[in-house]
Amino acid sequence: MTKIKINANLSCGSEWVGTPSGKRRKTHIQRKERRLTMSEERMAGGSVVPIHSLRKWRNIQRRLDEQITLGFQSPGKGKSLDELQAFVEEKRLVPAEASESGFKPPSLRQAGRILGKGKLIGLNQACRVWNLPKLEAMPAIRYREETLVEAARQNQQQDTDWRLIYCHGMSLRRQREIRGIDQKKQPCFWEDKSTWWLESKEDNWANQIQLAGYYLLDFQPRWPGINWNAQQTELEKLGENYERCCPHIFSEAIFTIFMVTRQRIAENWYHWSAVMDADRRRVDASHLSADGLHVGSSCPANATSFLRVCVLRKFDA
């Protein structure tokens, strides 16, 4: 039997019991409404969650209850257990403003004000250009305000291009299914004979789904003309909070930027990732020209001016 894990604070709001007639009827569990107090609002680490956020959270709980109840009453009409599990994992059953590590993330408006014009693409814009449904709950930005302030400072003083982009976490193959290879419908993937990454032996990485959310990425390419290991040495000098962006997030981000702003990121260079293909070569993605996005892989010993790195700032939470 398939099981679904649900937060202990959630229940269907009803229980099902047998009757002498053999039928099943619904008996409501009586709940006493409690006034929202500061103790209810205060989450781990001392961060306070606004009352309206808790109400939104309870609305999500209510919707989940309704779907479970509908499934019992009318088999086939409610969501399947797999769909409910996905719903639970997507919402994470915590208010978006609450941070697991105890700090209160900046709002979207605050992030935009800190980073400046053209450095932020939010959830609603990303959903619109990808023609994907909007989420019920607004996801939290998983960076501290100080992190965004430092990114903005570097943009002004160090010739970086840090941007905060919402990504759905789609795999490269899923992105190709959506955008296609028709050059008349920009942006697209490159239609050529280089479809090696669609072969079954590459399934292990090419189908990977990433965590959806806001990603802080530096689109100023770094370290051209040196091999992969030398690039890695330079990356480590930045500290443990930085890493190479994975090709899935990088691809989705530059597609999103183009669809929102018509700007082509990485039009004449490739982002060299840490992902290895089946032949243990490092996957590179981009060259987002009018021909479309190209996905390739290169031996770590290669050193060309085209193979560069898009740096990702790891989440603070």
Protein backbone atom coordinates (compact mmCIF):
# COMPACT_ATOMS: atom_id res chain seq x y z
CA MET A 1 0.00 0.00 0.00
CA THR A 2 1.32 3.44 -0.90
CA LYS A 3 1.78 5.66 2.12
CA ILE A 4 1.82 9.42 2.27
CA LYS A 5 3.66 11.33 4.97
CA ILE A 6 1.70 14.25 6.29
CA ASN A 7 2.67 16.74 8.98
CA ALA A 8 1.45 15.65 12.38
CA ASN A 9 -0.44 18.92 12.74
CA LEU A 10 -2.56 18.00 9.73
CA SER A 11 -5.58 15.77 9.82
CA CYS A 12 -8.50 15.27 7.51
CA GLY A 13 -10.75 17.06 9.97
CA SER A 14 -12.90 13.91 10.08
CA GLU A 15 -12.67 10.22 10.76
CA TRP A 16 -14.32 7.26 9.07
CA VAL A 17 -16.06 4.59 11.11
CA GLY A 18 -18.02 1.46 10.33
CA THR A 19 -21.79 1.29 10.89
CA PRO A 20 -24.13 -1.67 11.44
CA SER A 21 -25.36 -1.31 7.88
CA GLY A 22 -21.88 -1.85 6.55
CA LYS A 23 -21.71 1.60 5.09
CA ARG A 24 -19.15 4.16 6.05
CA ARG A 25 -20.05 7.55 7.35
CA LYS A 26 -18.09 10.60 8.29
CA THR A 27 -17.83 11.77 11.90
CA HIS A 28 -16.39 15.23 12.41
CA ILE A 29 -13.66 15.69 14.94
CA GLN A 30 -14.53 18.65 17.09
CA ARG A 31 -11.85 21.27 17.15
CA LYS A 32 -11.71 24.28 19.40
CA GLU A 33 -10.66 27.41 17.61
CA ARG A 34 -7.83 29.12 19.38
CA ARG A 35 -6.80 32.73 19.20
CA LEU A 36 -3.55 33.35 17.36
CA THR A 37 -1.00 34.33 19.97
CA MET A 38 2.58 35.43 19.72
CA SER A 39 3.68 31.94 20.71
CA GLU A 40 1.88 30.57 17.65
CA GLU A 41 3.47 33.21 15.45
CA ARG A 42 6.98 32.67 16.77
CA MET A 43 8.86 29.95 14.91
CA ALA A 44 12.23 28.27 15.46
CA GLY A 45 15.10 30.66 15.98
CA GLY A 46 12.87 33.51 17.11
CA SER A 47 11.63 34.67 13.68
CA VAL A 48 8.06 35.94 13.69
CA VAL A 49 5.60 34.89 11.00
CA PRO A 50 2.79 37.33 10.14
CA ILE A 51 -0.75 36.21 10.93
CA HIS A 52 -1.79 36.44 7.27
CA SER A 53 0.93 33.92 6.43
CA LEU A 54 -0.39 31.45 8.98
CA ARG A 55 -3.87 31.87 7.51
CA LYS A 56 -2.50 31.15 4.04
CA TRP A 57 -0.78 28.08 5.47
CA ARG A 58 -4.06 26.88 7.02
CA ASN A 59 -5.80 27.36 3.67
CA ILE A 60 -3.25 24.97 2.16
CA GLN A 61 -4.00 22.51 4.95
CA ARG A 62 -7.73 22.83 4.29
CA ARG A 63 -7.26 22.12 0.58
CA LEU A 64 -5.27 19.03 1.40
CA ASP A 65 -8.01 17.88 3.79
CA GLU A 66 -10.65 18.38 1.10
CA GLN A 67 -8.73 16.32 -1.45
CA ILE A 68 -8.20 13.44 0.97
CA THR A 69 -11.88 13.47 1.97
CA LEU A 70 -13.00 13.62 -1.69
CA GLY A 71 -10.82 10.63 -2.44
CA PHE A 72 -12.61 8.62 0.23
CA GLN A 73 -16.10 9.69 -0.80
CA SER A 74 -15.69 9.43 -4.57
CA PRO A 75 -12.80 7.21 -5.65
CA GLY A 76 -11.17 8.56 -8.79
CA LYS A 77 -12.25 12.16 -8.24
CA GLY A 78 -9.76 13.22 -5.61
CA LYS A 79 -6.03 13.54 -6.15
CA SER A 80 -4.01 10.35 -6.15
CA LEU A 81 -1.66 9.56 -3.29
CA ASP A 82 1.30 10.37 -5.52
CA GLU A 83 -0.20 13.75 -6.36
CA LEU A 84 -0.88 14.46 -2.70
CA GLN A 85 2.67 13.49 -1.80
CA ALA A 86 3.98 15.87 -4.46
CA PHE A 87 1.68 18.58 -3.08
CA VAL A 88 3.00 18.05 0.44
CA GLU A 89 6.62 18.17 -0.72
CA GLU A 90 6.04 21.22 -2.92
CA LYS A 91 4.39 23.25 -0.17
CA ARG A 92 6.72 21.79 2.45
CA LEU A 93 3.89 22.55 4.90
CA VAL A 94 5.68 25.50 6.42
CA PRO A 95 4.90 29.17 5.93
CA ALA A 96 7.07 30.59 3.17
CA GLU A 97 8.33 33.36 5.44
CA ALA A 98 9.61 30.94 8.08
CA SER A 99 13.22 29.89 7.76
CA GLU A 100 14.43 26.54 9.04
CA SER A 101 17.72 28.07 10.17
CA GLY A 102 16.05 30.78 12.18
CA PHE A 103 16.49 33.95 10.08
CA LYS A 104 13.77 35.87 8.31
CA PRO A 105 14.42 35.94 4.54
CA PRO A 106 14.07 39.24 2.71
CA SER A 107 10.88 39.88 0.79
CA LEU A 108 10.86 40.02 -2.99
CA ARG A 109 10.48 43.78 -2.83
CA GLN A 110 13.45 44.09 -0.48
CA ALA A 111 15.57 41.85 -2.73
CA GLY A 112 14.74 43.92 -5.78
CA ARG A 113 15.56 47.14 -3.97
CA ILE A 114 18.92 45.75 -2.79
CA LEU A 115 20.07 44.25 -6.10
CA GLY A 116 18.79 47.02 -8.30
CA LYS A 117 17.01 47.23 -11.63
CA GLY A 118 17.26 44.22 -13.94
CA LYS A 119 18.85 41.94 -11.34
CA LEU A 120 15.74 40.07 -10.20
CA ILE A 121 13.22 37.84 -11.95
CA GLY A 122 10.46 36.65 -9.66
CA LEU A 123 8.16 33.67 -9.49
CA ASN A 124 5.26 35.28 -11.36
CA GLN A 125 7.43 36.36 -14.28
CA ALA A 126 9.08 32.94 -14.52
CA CYS A 127 5.73 31.14 -14.47
CA ARG A 128 4.34 33.44 -17.13
CA VAL A 129 7.16 33.05 -19.66
CA TRP A 130 7.36 29.27 -19.16
CA ASN A 131 3.55 29.01 -19.25
CA LEU A 132 3.52 27.11 -15.96
CA PRO A 133 0.93 27.43 -13.17
CA LYS A 134 1.72 29.72 -10.27
CA LEU A 135 2.30 28.27 -6.83
CA GLU A 136 -0.33 28.77 -4.13
CA ALA A 137 2.29 29.84 -1.57
CA MET A 138 5.02 32.33 -2.33
CA PRO A 139 8.40 30.59 -1.90
CA ALA A 140 10.93 32.14 0.43
CA ILE A 141 14.20 33.63 -0.77
CA ARG A 142 16.79 31.38 0.82
CA TYR A 143 19.45 34.04 1.22
CA ARG A 144 20.14 36.46 4.03
CA GLU A 145 19.75 40.14 3.37
CA GLU A 146 23.49 40.58 3.99
CA THR A 147 24.22 38.11 1.18
CA LEU A 148 22.21 40.16 -1.30
CA VAL A 149 23.86 43.38 -0.09
CA GLU A 150 27.29 41.85 -0.71
CA ALA A 151 26.23 40.70 -4.20
CA ALA A 152 25.04 44.23 -5.01
CA ARG A 153 28.32 45.67 -3.72
CA GLN A 154 30.32 43.32 -5.95
CA ASN A 155 28.18 44.28 -8.94
CA GLN A 156 29.10 47.91 -8.38
CA GLN A 157 32.78 47.44 -7.56
CA GLN A 158 34.05 44.17 -9.03
CA ASP A 159 32.53 43.79 -12.50
CA THR A 160 30.26 40.92 -11.50
CA ASP A 161 26.71 40.29 -12.68
CA TRP A 162 24.89 38.75 -9.71
CA ARG A 163 21.19 38.21 -10.36
CA LEU A 164 18.45 36.53 -8.37
CA ILE A 165 16.41 34.32 -10.68
CA TYR A 166 13.47 32.08 -9.85
CA CYS A 167 13.94 28.62 -11.38
CA HIS A 168 11.44 25.78 -11.45
CA GLY A 169 14.24 23.22 -11.30
CA MET A 170 13.42 21.53 -14.59
CA SER A 171 15.85 19.07 -16.10
CA LEU A 172 17.57 19.93 -19.37
CA ARG A 173 15.46 17.35 -21.18
CA ARG A 174 12.24 18.80 -19.79
CA GLN A 175 13.32 22.27 -20.89
CA ARG A 176 13.96 20.91 -24.39
CA GLU A 177 10.47 19.39 -24.45
CA ILE A 178 8.97 22.78 -23.63
CA ARG A 179 11.14 25.07 -25.76
CA GLY A 180 11.77 22.71 -28.66
CA ILE A 181 14.26 23.17 -31.50
CA ASP A 182 12.37 25.56 -33.80
CA GLN A 183 14.64 28.55 -34.38
CA LYS A 184 11.61 30.65 -35.30
CA LYS A 185 10.42 30.29 -31.70
CA GLN A 186 13.18 31.81 -29.59
CA PRO A 187 14.75 30.79 -27.32
CA CYS A 188 15.19 27.17 -28.31
CA PHE A 189 17.63 24.29 -28.21
CA TRP A 190 20.12 23.74 -31.00
CA GLU A 191 18.93 21.37 -33.69
CA ASP A 192 21.99 19.42 -34.76
CA LYS A 193 23.41 15.91 -34.68
CA SER A 194 24.73 16.44 -31.17
CA THR A 195 21.91 14.68 -29.36
CA TRP A 196 24.25 12.52 -27.30
CA TRP A 197 22.74 13.79 -24.05
CA LEU A 198 19.33 12.39 -25.03
CA GLU A 199 20.66 8.83 -25.11
CA SER A 200 19.65 6.44 -22.34
CA LYS A 201 23.18 6.14 -20.94
CA GLU A 202 22.99 9.81 -19.94
CA ASP A 203 19.71 9.42 -18.03
CA ASN A 204 21.44 9.59 -14.65
CA TRP A 205 22.20 13.29 -14.95
CA ALA A 206 20.14 14.55 -17.91
CA ASN A 207 16.83 13.83 -16.16
CA GLN A 208 17.82 15.33 -12.83
CA ILE A 209 15.27 17.68 -11.30
CA GLN A 210 16.61 20.50 -9.15
CA LEU A 211 15.11 22.25 -6.15
CA ALA A 212 12.75 25.02 -7.25
CA GLY A 213 13.43 28.45 -5.82
CA TYR A 214 15.41 31.66 -6.10
CA TYR A 215 19.03 31.24 -7.20
CA LEU A 216 21.74 33.87 -6.87
CA LEU A 217 23.99 33.53 -9.93
CA ASP A 218 26.91 35.51 -11.31
CA PHE A 219 26.51 35.68 -15.09
CA GLN A 220 29.88 37.35 -15.57
CA PRO A 221 31.85 34.31 -16.84
CA ARG A 222 35.03 33.50 -14.98
CA TRP A 223 38.38 31.83 -15.64
CA PRO A 224 38.62 31.40 -19.42
CA GLY A 225 41.65 29.75 -20.96
CA ILE A 226 42.45 27.35 -18.11
CA ASN A 227 41.48 23.71 -17.59
CA TRP A 228 38.69 22.46 -15.34
CA ASN A 229 40.97 21.66 -12.37
CA ALA A 230 42.62 25.06 -12.51
CA GLN A 231 39.20 26.69 -12.58
CA GLN A 232 38.26 24.63 -9.54
CA THR A 233 41.30 25.92 -7.67
CA GLU A 234 40.21 29.48 -8.38
CA LEU A 235 36.65 28.69 -7.31
CA GLU A 236 37.81 27.32 -3.96
CA LYS A 237 39.52 30.64 -3.24
CA LEU A 238 36.08 32.26 -3.11
CA GLY A 239 35.15 30.16 -0.08
CA GLU A 240 32.81 27.33 0.76
CA ASN A 241 29.65 29.32 -0.03
CA TYR A 242 30.28 29.25 -3.77
CA GLU A 243 30.09 26.52 -6.39
CA ARG A 244 29.66 25.95 -10.11
CA CYS A 245 26.05 26.29 -11.19
CA CYS A 246 24.57 23.00 -12.38
CA PRO A 247 23.72 22.94 -16.13
CA HIS A 248 19.98 22.52 -15.50
CA ILE A 249 19.64 25.68 -13.41
CA PHE A 250 22.00 27.63 -15.66
CA SER A 251 20.07 26.70 -18.78
CA GLU A 252 16.68 27.49 -17.25
CA ALA A 253 17.95 30.80 -15.87
CA ILE A 254 19.34 32.09 -19.18
CA PHE A 255 16.19 30.97 -21.00
CA THR A 256 14.10 32.86 -18.44
CA ILE A 257 16.24 35.97 -18.72
CA PHE A 258 15.90 35.96 -22.50
CA MET A 259 12.12 35.47 -22.41
CA VAL A 260 11.69 38.29 -19.88
CA THR A 261 14.27 40.79 -21.14
CA ARG A 262 15.31 39.51 -24.62
CA GLN A 263 18.91 39.56 -23.43
CA ARG A 264 21.11 36.65 -24.48
CA ILE A 265 23.37 35.43 -21.69
CA ALA A 266 26.36 33.30 -22.74
CA GLU A 267 25.93 33.99 -26.44
CA ASN A 268 29.60 33.31 -27.14
CA TRP A 269 30.79 31.14 -24.25
CA TYR A 270 29.98 27.86 -22.51
CA HIS A 271 29.33 27.30 -18.82
CA TRP A 272 31.50 24.38 -17.65
CA SER A 273 29.71 22.56 -14.85
CA ALA A 274 30.71 19.95 -12.27
CA VAL A 275 28.28 17.38 -13.70
CA MET A 276 29.92 14.36 -15.36
CA ASP A 277 28.45 12.51 -18.32
CA ALA A 278 28.59 8.75 -18.82
CA ASP A 279 32.14 9.03 -20.19
CA ARG A 280 33.28 11.09 -17.17
CA ARG A 281 33.57 14.31 -19.14
CA ARG A 282 32.33 17.54 -17.60
CA VAL A 283 29.04 18.79 -19.06
CA ASP A 284 28.99 22.28 -20.52
CA ALA A 285 25.92 24.17 -21.55
CA SER A 286 25.10 27.29 -23.45
CA HIS A 287 26.24 29.20 -26.48
CA LEU A 288 22.70 30.59 -26.52
CA SER A 289 22.82 32.08 -29.99
CA ALA A 290 20.00 32.35 -32.51
CA ASP A 291 20.80 28.75 -33.45
CA GLY A 292 19.71 27.66 -29.98
CA LEU A 293 21.27 26.42 -26.76
CA HIS A 294 23.96 23.80 -27.18
CA VAL A 295 24.70 21.05 -24.64
CA GLY A 296 28.16 19.51 -24.79
CA SER A 297 30.84 17.96 -22.62
CA SER A 298 34.58 18.41 -22.43
CA CYS A 299 37.58 16.59 -21.06
CA PRO A 300 38.77 18.30 -17.82
CA ALA A 301 42.21 18.75 -19.36
CA ASN A 302 40.85 21.06 -22.07
CA ALA A 303 41.64 24.74 -21.77
CA THR A 304 39.90 27.14 -24.15
CA SER A 305 38.63 30.69 -23.92
CA PHE A 306 35.08 29.47 -24.51
CA LEU A 307 34.88 27.22 -21.44
CA ARG A 308 34.11 29.47 -18.49
CA VAL A 309 32.22 29.29 -15.21
CA CYS A 310 28.96 30.74 -13.94
CA VAL A 311 29.30 30.87 -10.15
CA LEU A 312 26.35 30.09 -7.90
CA ARG A 313 26.00 31.35 -4.34
CA LYS A 314 24.85 28.48 -2.12
CA PHE A 315 21.67 28.93 -0.09
CA ASP A 316 21.96 30.38 3.39
CA ALA A 317 19.09 28.16 4.49
